[in-house]
Amino acid sequence: MPLVAGVDSSTQSCKVVVCDAETGVVIRRGQAPHPDGTEADPAAWWQALTEALAAAGGLDDVAAVGVAGQQHGMVCLDEDGEVVRPALLWNDTRSAGAADDLIAELGGPSAWAEAVGSVPVAAFTVTKLRWLAEHEPEAAARTARVCLPHDYLTWRLTGNLVTDRGDASGTGYWSPAQGVYRTDLLQRALGRTPDLPEVLDPSIPAGRTDGGAVVSAGTGDNMAAALAVGTRPGDVVVSLGTSGTVFAVSDLPSADPSGAVAGFADATGRFLPLVCTLNAARVLDAAARMLGVDHGRLSELALAGPPGADGLVLVPYLEGERTPNRPEATGAVHGLRLSTATPEHLARAAVEGMLCGLADGLDALAGVGVNIERVLLVGGGARSVAVRRIAPSVLGRPVLVPPAGEYVAEGAARQAAWALVGGDEPPHRTRAGFARHEADPAPAVRERYAQARDSVLTRP
């Protein structure tokens, strides 16, 4: 059976899985770290990819490769293909002011939602380009091409600068509904129109590696995760990674003028309305660090704490926040009393606070007409026993947890298999072994969180 490789070039690391092209079963894997920070030299991603591929046994026996990467970001290349400056990542919030300016200049949030399905925030490439033009005009003048993190790696593998609908939809200058670049918006941001990656249809190969392996168009990390899980209309995925995302597959494009729901495209030709929070699994990291425990012990403490943590609430805006759009916000603890100043209460509040932000995302998707039949819980944070058990009460619905896996990399591998065989739909995959978790809804937890959240939102 042919083998395919999938790459997850995330904020924190590069992961590679080599899979059976027909069944999707993972045969071998490798991983390498990325540098910390909210900007990075793209050469570090290439180095990590090289190391992760070597750890996964290389590509000599691999027929096709797909690269999925962290969404948004800004990679600027000059006429010779050299990197102009370190890439600004999705979680770099320095362009928040530029986002406000661009929204106002076009006539408000509704104008952006109509144009590209989303209202730009600091994460989006278009806002970062405006920041570059205003703060580093010499670098902006040298920029001949603009691409995304996964595009850069696909280009290094093939020599072709291409992308897909899914990742292009997170730039702020590509319209999912119309399927075209809005170069007028790019011109508004940067002052001119650099070269952009060609947007390929889902099954069209981007090219080949030097060794002859087919390379797929690649996609964004959330789109790859949806592809791996086999998300169908009616499913909503709650993904707990570095960021928290809540997304659904839809046959129709969405446009939310409130900005809460981003109207992205998916990796199959459909659409992917999505809500993103900056703070997810790393909230658990921070809580474990504060308590001086590992994640297993944090989970035990959270389950030992009472539901609602006796009124102790953690608003987890530890890196600012994207939804709601509060890039300069900080985390806050409410309801701290002598009786709630225990490790169990803090652990419980951390898990509930993280989940409450994602429950707001579920509400936002429902508000734009998304049909919610199943909630799937994935990502590193879903490995926590406490998260799995508490999630149904906070989200107000039963949750299904697929077997642990590297879903972004596995989705990229599925796309690689699609590029290898062609056709109108990706190769069929059947996911088995979903664990169902149920609990009585706890609206009081959401209500108390909303009070604390809104006190942060109204703070000057």
Protein backbone atom coordinates (compact mmCIF):
# COMPACT_ATOMS: atom_id res chain seq x y z
CA MET A 1 0.00 0.00 0.00
CA PRO A 2 1.33 3.51 -0.77
CA LEU A 3 2.37 5.71 2.14
CA VAL A 4 1.54 9.39 2.58
CA ALA A 5 2.99 11.92 5.02
CA GLY A 6 1.12 14.65 6.85
CA VAL A 7 2.78 17.66 8.45
CA ASP A 8 1.47 19.80 11.30
CA SER A 9 3.60 22.94 11.44
CA SER A 10 2.06 24.51 14.54
CA THR A 11 2.99 27.42 16.73
CA GLN A 12 5.03 25.26 19.08
CA SER A 13 6.39 22.40 16.99
CA CYS A 14 6.45 20.48 13.74
CA LYS A 15 4.88 17.01 13.78
CA VAL A 16 4.98 14.47 10.97
CA VAL A 17 2.93 11.30 10.59
CA VAL A 18 3.44 8.71 7.86
CA CYS A 19 0.20 6.87 7.13
CA ASP A 20 -1.22 4.13 4.96
CA ALA A 21 -2.84 6.06 2.11
CA GLU A 22 -5.91 3.79 1.98
CA THR A 23 -6.71 3.30 5.66
CA GLY A 24 -5.13 6.37 7.27
CA VAL A 25 -3.42 4.19 9.89
CA VAL A 26 -0.30 5.90 11.27
CA ILE A 27 2.82 3.84 10.55
CA ARG A 28 5.49 6.10 11.99
CA ARG A 29 5.93 9.64 13.28
CA GLY A 30 8.46 12.37 14.14
CA GLN A 31 8.55 15.75 15.86
CA ALA A 32 10.81 18.77 16.30
CA PRO A 33 10.32 21.99 18.31
CA HIS A 34 9.74 25.52 17.06
CA PRO A 35 11.20 28.57 18.80
CA ASP A 36 9.02 30.41 21.30
CA GLY A 37 7.59 33.84 20.57
CA THR A 38 5.00 35.59 18.46
CA GLU A 39 7.34 36.05 15.51
CA ALA A 40 9.70 33.55 13.93
CA ASP A 41 12.24 33.15 11.16
CA PRO A 42 10.55 30.83 8.63
CA ALA A 43 13.90 29.09 8.20
CA ALA A 44 13.32 27.65 11.68
CA TRP A 45 10.11 26.01 10.42
CA TRP A 46 12.01 24.46 7.52
CA GLN A 47 14.72 23.20 9.87
CA ALA A 48 12.10 21.70 12.19
CA LEU A 49 10.34 20.07 9.22
CA THR A 50 13.63 18.55 8.08
CA GLU A 51 14.29 17.16 11.56
CA ALA A 52 10.74 15.87 12.02
CA LEU A 53 10.80 14.14 8.62
CA ALA A 54 14.09 12.47 9.49
CA ALA A 55 12.67 11.32 12.83
CA ALA A 56 9.68 9.89 10.94
CA GLY A 57 11.89 7.82 8.67
CA GLY A 58 12.18 10.21 5.74
CA LEU A 59 10.30 10.41 2.47
CA ASP A 60 12.09 7.80 0.35
CA ASP A 61 9.11 5.41 0.47
CA VAL A 62 6.42 8.10 0.68
CA ALA A 63 4.22 8.75 -2.37
CA ALA A 64 2.67 12.07 -1.30
CA VAL A 65 3.03 14.80 1.33
CA GLY A 66 0.62 17.39 2.70
CA VAL A 67 1.48 20.36 4.92
CA ALA A 68 -0.97 21.93 7.35
CA GLY A 69 0.12 24.95 9.33
CA GLN A 70 -0.86 27.55 11.88
CA GLN A 71 -3.35 29.90 10.26
CA HIS A 72 -2.91 33.58 9.46
CA GLY A 73 0.59 34.87 10.03
CA MET A 74 2.60 36.98 7.63
CA VAL A 75 5.55 35.69 5.62
CA CYS A 76 7.17 38.37 3.43
CA LEU A 77 9.59 37.42 0.65
CA ASP A 78 11.69 39.67 -1.58
CA GLU A 79 12.26 39.41 -5.33
CA ASP A 80 14.85 36.67 -4.78
CA GLY A 81 12.65 34.64 -2.46
CA GLU A 82 14.54 35.65 0.66
CA VAL A 83 12.66 36.34 3.87
CA VAL A 84 12.34 40.08 4.45
CA ARG A 85 11.76 39.97 8.22
CA PRO A 86 10.72 37.40 10.84
CA ALA A 87 7.17 36.22 10.23
CA LEU A 88 4.49 37.67 12.50
CA LEU A 89 2.41 34.80 13.89
CA TRP A 90 -1.34 34.63 14.44
CA ASN A 91 -0.93 35.30 18.18
CA ASP A 92 1.06 38.52 17.71
CA THR A 93 -1.33 41.30 18.69
CA ARG A 94 0.74 44.36 17.73
CA SER A 95 -1.52 44.97 14.71
CA ALA A 96 -4.70 45.41 16.78
CA GLY A 97 -4.73 49.14 16.05
CA ALA A 98 -4.25 48.47 12.36
CA ALA A 99 -7.31 46.18 12.47
CA ASP A 100 -9.41 48.97 13.97
CA ASP A 101 -8.20 51.40 11.30
CA LEU A 102 -8.94 49.03 8.42
CA ILE A 103 -12.43 48.29 9.73
CA ALA A 104 -13.22 51.99 10.00
CA GLU A 105 -11.80 52.83 6.57
CA LEU A 106 -13.96 50.27 4.77
CA GLY A 107 -17.11 51.45 6.49
CA GLY A 108 -17.38 49.21 9.53
CA PRO A 109 -17.56 45.52 10.44
CA SER A 110 -20.49 44.74 8.15
CA ALA A 111 -18.52 45.86 5.10
CA TRP A 112 -15.70 43.45 5.93
CA ALA A 113 -18.08 40.58 6.69
CA GLU A 114 -19.74 41.10 3.31
CA ALA A 115 -16.39 41.36 1.51
CA VAL A 116 -14.48 38.39 2.94
CA GLY A 117 -16.82 36.69 5.43
CA SER A 118 -14.85 37.87 8.46
CA VAL A 119 -14.12 41.02 10.41
CA PRO A 120 -10.33 41.40 10.71
CA VAL A 121 -8.57 41.18 14.05
CA ALA A 122 -4.89 41.31 14.93
CA ALA A 123 -4.43 37.64 13.95
CA PHE A 124 -5.29 38.24 10.28
CA THR A 125 -2.57 38.72 7.66
CA VAL A 126 -4.21 41.86 6.27
CA THR A 127 -3.80 43.71 9.58
CA LYS A 128 -0.19 42.65 9.92
CA LEU A 129 0.56 44.02 6.46
CA ARG A 130 -0.93 47.37 7.44
CA TRP A 131 1.25 47.34 10.57
CA LEU A 132 4.29 46.57 8.42
CA ALA A 133 3.55 49.42 6.03
CA GLU A 134 3.20 51.87 8.89
CA HIS A 135 6.00 50.74 11.20
CA GLU A 136 8.60 49.16 8.89
CA PRO A 137 8.19 50.89 5.53
CA GLU A 138 11.58 49.73 4.24
CA ALA A 139 10.65 46.09 4.85
CA ALA A 140 7.26 46.72 3.25
CA ALA A 141 8.97 48.19 0.18
CA ARG A 142 11.17 45.07 -0.18
CA THR A 143 8.19 42.72 0.05
CA ALA A 144 7.53 41.23 -3.39
CA ARG A 145 5.49 38.19 -2.26
CA VAL A 146 3.28 37.49 0.73
CA CYS A 147 2.32 34.02 1.86
CA LEU A 148 1.25 32.01 4.89
CA PRO A 149 3.31 29.66 7.07
CA HIS A 150 2.11 26.48 5.37
CA ASP A 151 2.53 28.10 1.94
CA TYR A 152 6.19 28.78 2.75
CA LEU A 153 6.88 25.13 3.56
CA THR A 154 5.02 23.90 0.46
CA TRP A 155 7.09 26.35 -1.58
CA ARG A 156 10.33 25.03 -0.05
CA LEU A 157 9.24 21.47 -0.89
CA THR A 158 8.14 22.15 -4.48
CA GLY A 159 9.40 25.54 -5.65
CA ASN A 160 5.77 26.58 -6.29
CA LEU A 161 4.01 29.31 -4.30
CA VAL A 162 0.48 27.98 -3.87
CA THR A 163 -2.17 27.71 -1.18
CA ASP A 164 -5.69 26.36 -0.69
CA ARG A 165 -9.13 27.87 -0.03
CA GLY A 166 -9.02 27.07 3.68
CA ASP A 167 -5.83 28.89 4.60
CA ALA A 168 -6.42 31.70 2.08
CA SER A 169 -9.71 32.46 3.83
CA GLY A 170 -7.83 33.53 6.97
CA THR A 171 -5.82 36.28 5.28
CA GLY A 172 -8.56 38.92 5.25
CA TYR A 173 -8.07 39.52 1.52
CA TRP A 174 -9.57 36.35 -0.02
CA SER A 175 -13.32 35.89 -0.30
CA PRO A 176 -14.65 32.37 0.44
CA ALA A 177 -18.05 33.21 -1.05
CA GLN A 178 -16.61 34.57 -4.31
CA GLY A 179 -13.48 32.40 -4.45
CA VAL A 180 -11.20 35.32 -5.38
CA TYR A 181 -8.53 37.52 -3.86
CA ARG A 182 -9.76 40.96 -2.87
CA THR A 183 -6.67 42.79 -4.04
CA ASP A 184 -8.37 46.09 -3.29
CA LEU A 185 -8.24 45.19 0.41
CA LEU A 186 -4.62 44.10 0.10
CA GLN A 187 -3.83 47.39 -1.61
CA ARG A 188 -5.59 49.22 1.23
CA ALA A 189 -3.40 47.42 3.78
CA LEU A 190 0.04 47.45 2.17
CA GLY A 191 -0.31 50.30 -0.31
CA ARG A 192 0.28 48.00 -3.29
CA THR A 193 -0.35 44.43 -4.43
CA PRO A 194 2.52 41.94 -4.05
CA ASP A 195 2.51 38.50 -5.66
CA LEU A 196 0.22 36.03 -3.90
CA PRO A 197 0.02 32.23 -3.87
CA GLU A 198 -2.21 30.59 -6.44
CA VAL A 199 -5.29 29.13 -4.73
CA LEU A 200 -5.60 25.50 -5.80
CA ASP A 201 -8.71 23.33 -5.77
CA PRO A 202 -8.66 20.77 -2.94
CA SER A 203 -7.41 17.73 -4.89
CA ILE A 204 -4.92 19.51 -7.17
CA PRO A 205 -1.25 18.80 -6.40
CA ALA A 206 1.09 21.69 -5.70
CA GLY A 207 4.02 19.91 -7.31
CA ARG A 208 6.61 17.31 -6.33
CA THR A 209 9.56 17.09 -3.99
CA ASP A 210 13.05 16.59 -5.36
CA GLY A 211 12.56 12.91 -4.59
CA GLY A 212 9.38 12.72 -6.67
CA ALA A 213 6.70 12.64 -3.96
CA VAL A 214 3.47 14.43 -4.83
CA VAL A 215 2.81 17.47 -2.61
CA SER A 216 -0.77 18.56 -1.98
CA ALA A 217 -1.92 22.16 -1.74
CA GLY A 218 -1.80 22.05 2.06
CA THR A 219 -4.21 23.91 4.31
CA GLY A 220 -4.70 25.61 7.68
CA ASP A 221 -4.54 23.65 10.91
CA ASN A 222 -8.25 23.84 11.72
CA MET A 223 -9.20 22.79 8.21
CA ALA A 224 -6.87 19.79 8.44
CA ALA A 225 -8.31 18.77 11.81
CA ALA A 226 -11.83 18.87 10.34
CA LEU A 227 -10.63 16.69 7.46
CA ALA A 228 -9.03 14.16 9.82
CA VAL A 229 -12.04 13.81 12.10
CA GLY A 230 -14.36 13.48 9.13
CA THR A 231 -16.45 16.45 10.19
CA ARG A 232 -19.84 16.56 8.50
CA PRO A 233 -22.66 19.14 8.50
CA GLY A 234 -24.23 19.02 11.97
CA ASP A 235 -20.90 18.42 13.70
CA VAL A 236 -19.20 21.11 15.76
CA VAL A 237 -15.57 20.55 16.72
CA VAL A 238 -14.20 22.10 19.91
CA SER A 239 -10.42 21.99 19.59
CA LEU A 240 -8.19 22.67 22.59
CA GLY A 241 -4.72 23.48 21.36
CA THR A 242 -2.52 26.54 21.84
CA SER A 243 -5.61 28.41 20.73
CA GLY A 244 -9.16 27.24 21.28
CA THR A 245 -11.35 26.86 18.23
CA VAL A 246 -15.00 26.00 17.72
CA PHE A 247 -15.89 25.24 14.11
CA ALA A 248 -18.39 23.47 11.90
CA VAL A 249 -18.56 22.33 8.28
CA SER A 250 -21.26 24.08 6.24
CA ASP A 251 -22.47 23.96 2.67
CA LEU A 252 -23.03 27.73 2.71
CA PRO A 253 -20.67 30.64 3.45
CA SER A 254 -21.23 32.71 6.56
CA ALA A 255 -20.72 36.40 7.29
CA ASP A 256 -21.01 37.58 10.89
CA PRO A 257 -20.80 41.38 11.24
CA SER A 258 -20.22 41.04 14.99
CA GLY A 259 -16.84 39.50 14.19
CA ALA A 260 -17.31 36.60 16.62
CA VAL A 261 -17.61 34.01 13.84
CA ALA A 262 -14.99 33.98 11.09
CA GLY A 263 -16.44 32.87 7.77
CA PHE A 264 -13.62 30.61 6.59
CA ALA A 265 -13.54 27.98 3.86
CA ASP A 266 -12.68 24.35 4.61
CA ALA A 267 -10.29 21.99 2.83
CA THR A 268 -12.93 20.17 0.76
CA GLY A 269 -14.74 22.93 -1.16
CA ARG A 270 -17.23 23.67 1.61
CA PHE A 271 -17.11 26.32 4.34
CA LEU A 272 -15.88 26.41 7.93
CA PRO A 273 -17.50 29.01 10.20
CA LEU A 274 -15.13 29.27 13.14
CA VAL A 275 -14.73 30.99 16.50
CA CYS A 276 -11.21 31.29 17.87
CA THR A 277 -9.95 32.11 21.36
CA LEU A 278 -6.30 32.83 22.05
CA ASN A 279 -6.36 30.97 25.35
CA ALA A 280 -6.99 27.23 25.57
CA ALA A 281 -4.61 24.43 26.57
CA ARG A 282 -2.00 26.86 27.82
CA VAL A 283 -4.50 27.98 30.47
CA LEU A 284 -4.09 24.48 31.88
CA ASP A 285 -0.31 24.79 31.54
CA ALA A 286 -0.38 28.04 33.50
CA ALA A 287 -2.64 26.64 36.22
CA ALA A 288 -0.42 23.59 36.64
CA ARG A 289 2.63 25.83 36.86
CA MET A 290 1.03 28.09 39.47
CA LEU A 291 0.06 25.09 41.58
CA GLY A 292 3.39 23.35 41.10
CA VAL A 293 1.82 20.15 39.77
CA ASP A 294 1.80 18.14 36.54
CA HIS A 295 -1.26 17.87 34.30
CA GLY A 296 -2.41 14.61 35.78
CA ARG A 297 -2.48 16.10 39.26
CA LEU A 298 -4.16 19.28 37.96
CA SER A 299 -6.95 17.10 36.58
CA GLU A 300 -7.35 15.33 39.93
CA LEU A 301 -7.52 18.66 41.76
CA ALA A 302 -10.12 20.05 39.33
CA LEU A 303 -12.35 17.02 39.76
CA ALA A 304 -11.99 17.28 43.54
CA GLY A 305 -13.15 20.91 43.43
CA PRO A 306 -16.88 21.65 43.55
CA PRO A 307 -18.78 22.51 40.35
CA GLY A 308 -18.65 26.26 39.96
CA ALA A 309 -15.67 26.36 42.35
CA ASP A 310 -17.89 27.99 44.98
CA GLY A 311 -17.99 31.17 42.89
CA LEU A 312 -14.27 31.34 42.05
CA VAL A 313 -13.97 32.32 38.40
CA LEU A 314 -10.87 32.51 36.21
CA VAL A 315 -11.26 34.72 33.14
CA PRO A 316 -8.40 33.20 31.12
CA TYR A 317 -7.26 36.11 28.95
CA LEU A 318 -3.62 35.26 29.66
CA GLU A 319 -2.42 36.37 26.21
CA GLY A 320 -5.05 38.99 25.53
CA GLU A 321 -8.06 37.65 23.67
CA ARG A 322 -9.34 37.41 20.13
CA THR A 323 -12.96 36.44 20.81
CA PRO A 324 -14.12 38.71 22.31
CA ASN A 325 -11.65 41.06 20.66
CA ARG A 326 -9.59 42.28 23.64
CA PRO A 327 -5.94 42.06 22.53
CA GLU A 328 -4.68 44.07 25.52
CA ALA A 329 -6.74 42.24 28.17
CA THR A 330 -5.17 40.19 30.95
CA GLY A 331 -6.44 37.26 32.98
CA ALA A 332 -8.50 37.90 36.09
CA VAL A 333 -9.60 35.91 39.12
CA HIS A 334 -12.98 36.74 40.67
CA GLY A 335 -14.55 35.46 43.87
CA LEU A 336 -11.33 34.78 45.73
CA ARG A 337 -12.07 34.26 49.42
CA LEU A 338 -10.36 32.38 52.20
CA SER A 339 -12.69 29.46 51.51
CA THR A 340 -11.88 29.37 47.78
CA ALA A 341 -8.14 29.90 48.13
CA THR A 342 -7.37 26.21 47.64
CA PRO A 343 -5.63 24.26 44.87
CA GLU A 344 -8.86 22.39 44.15
CA HIS A 345 -10.85 25.58 43.62
CA LEU A 346 -8.22 27.18 41.39
CA ALA A 347 -7.83 24.03 39.29
CA ARG A 348 -11.59 23.78 38.84
CA ALA A 349 -11.87 27.47 37.96
CA ALA A 350 -9.10 27.13 35.35
CA VAL A 351 -10.82 24.25 33.57
CA GLU A 352 -14.25 25.88 33.74
CA GLY A 353 -12.96 29.28 32.63
CA MET A 354 -11.26 27.80 29.57
CA LEU A 355 -14.41 25.85 28.68
CA CYS A 356 -16.73 28.82 29.24
CA GLY A 357 -14.90 30.80 26.58
CA LEU A 358 -15.47 27.94 24.15
CA ALA A 359 -19.11 27.61 25.20
CA ASP A 360 -19.50 31.25 24.14
CA GLY A 361 -18.16 30.09 20.77
CA LEU A 362 -20.85 27.43 20.50
CA ASP A 363 -23.47 30.08 21.18
CA ALA A 364 -21.98 32.31 18.48
CA LEU A 365 -22.11 29.52 15.87
CA ALA A 366 -25.72 28.77 16.77
CA GLY A 367 -26.41 32.49 16.41
CA VAL A 368 -25.38 32.47 12.73
CA GLY A 369 -27.56 29.47 11.99
CA VAL A 370 -25.13 26.57 12.42
CA ASN A 371 -26.99 23.33 13.13
CA ILE A 372 -25.38 21.62 16.16
CA GLU A 373 -26.10 17.88 16.28
CA ARG A 374 -22.83 16.56 17.70
CA VAL A 375 -20.00 18.20 19.65
CA LEU A 376 -16.57 16.63 19.12
CA LEU A 377 -13.80 17.45 21.61
CA VAL A 378 -10.25 17.22 20.22
CA GLY A 379 -6.77 18.64 20.77
CA GLY A 380 -4.13 18.34 23.46
CA GLY A 381 -6.38 19.83 26.13
CA ALA A 382 -8.95 17.08 25.52
CA ARG A 383 -6.52 14.54 26.95
CA SER A 384 -7.29 15.89 30.40
CA VAL A 385 -9.75 13.65 32.28
CA ALA A 386 -11.12 16.72 34.06
CA VAL A 387 -11.73 18.54 30.79
CA ARG A 388 -13.60 15.58 29.31
CA ARG A 389 -15.78 15.15 32.38
CA ILE A 390 -16.51 18.83 33.00
CA ALA A 391 -17.01 19.86 29.35
CA PRO A 392 -20.59 18.53 28.97
CA SER A 393 -21.82 20.53 31.96
CA VAL A 394 -20.24 23.77 30.73
CA LEU A 395 -21.00 23.29 27.02
CA GLY A 396 -24.53 22.22 27.88
CA ARG A 397 -24.39 19.18 25.58
CA PRO A 398 -22.93 15.67 25.55
CA VAL A 399 -19.50 15.55 23.96
CA LEU A 400 -17.82 12.89 21.85
CA VAL A 401 -14.08 12.45 22.23
CA PRO A 402 -12.32 10.62 19.39
CA PRO A 403 -9.29 8.48 20.17
CA ALA A 404 -6.18 10.58 20.79
CA GLY A 405 -4.37 11.44 17.60
CA GLU A 406 -2.38 14.06 15.73
CA TYR A 407 -5.45 15.31 13.92
CA VAL A 408 -3.88 18.20 12.06
CA ALA A 409 -1.05 16.05 10.69
CA GLU A 410 -3.46 13.20 9.94
CA GLY A 411 -5.74 15.60 8.06
CA ALA A 412 -2.77 16.80 6.02
CA ALA A 413 -1.97 13.15 5.23
CA ARG A 414 -5.55 12.58 4.10
CA GLN A 415 -5.26 15.58 1.80
CA ALA A 416 -1.99 14.15 0.45
CA ALA A 417 -3.78 10.88 -0.33
CA TRP A 418 -6.48 12.88 -2.12
CA ALA A 419 -3.89 14.67 -4.26
CA LEU A 420 -2.40 11.27 -5.07
CA VAL A 421 -5.61 9.64 -6.31
CA GLY A 422 -7.70 12.66 -7.36
CA GLY A 423 -11.49 12.71 -7.43
CA ASP A 424 -14.25 14.97 -6.14
CA GLU A 425 -14.11 13.87 -2.49
CA PRO A 426 -11.23 12.97 -0.15
CA PRO A 427 -10.56 9.27 0.51
CA HIS A 428 -13.13 7.82 2.89
CA ARG A 429 -12.13 7.44 6.54
CA THR A 430 -14.19 5.85 9.29
CA ARG A 431 -13.43 7.03 12.81
CA ALA A 432 -14.35 4.54 15.52
CA GLY A 433 -14.04 4.46 19.27
CA PHE A 434 -15.58 7.84 20.10
CA ALA A 435 -16.08 8.11 23.87
CA ARG A 436 -19.34 9.80 24.91
CA HIS A 437 -19.36 12.01 28.01
CA GLU A 438 -22.53 13.39 29.57
CA ALA A 439 -23.31 15.58 32.56
CA ASP A 440 -26.14 17.79 33.71
CA PRO A 441 -25.84 21.31 32.28
CA ALA A 442 -24.54 23.88 34.78
CA PRO A 443 -25.98 27.23 33.65
CA ALA A 444 -24.93 28.87 36.91
CA VAL A 445 -21.29 28.34 35.96
CA ARG A 446 -21.84 30.13 32.63
CA GLU A 447 -23.78 32.94 34.33
CA ARG A 448 -21.09 33.60 36.92
CA TYR A 449 -18.41 33.47 34.23
CA ALA A 450 -20.35 35.95 32.07
CA GLN A 451 -20.48 38.42 34.96
CA ALA A 452 -16.73 38.16 35.49
CA ARG A 453 -16.01 38.26 31.75
CA ASP A 454 -18.09 41.37 31.24
CA SER A 455 -16.34 43.15 34.09
CA VAL A 456 -13.08 42.59 32.17
CA LEU A 457 -14.68 43.78 28.92
CA THR A 458 -15.91 47.03 30.42
CA ARG A 459 -12.64 47.84 32.13
CA PRO A 460 -11.00 50.90 30.47
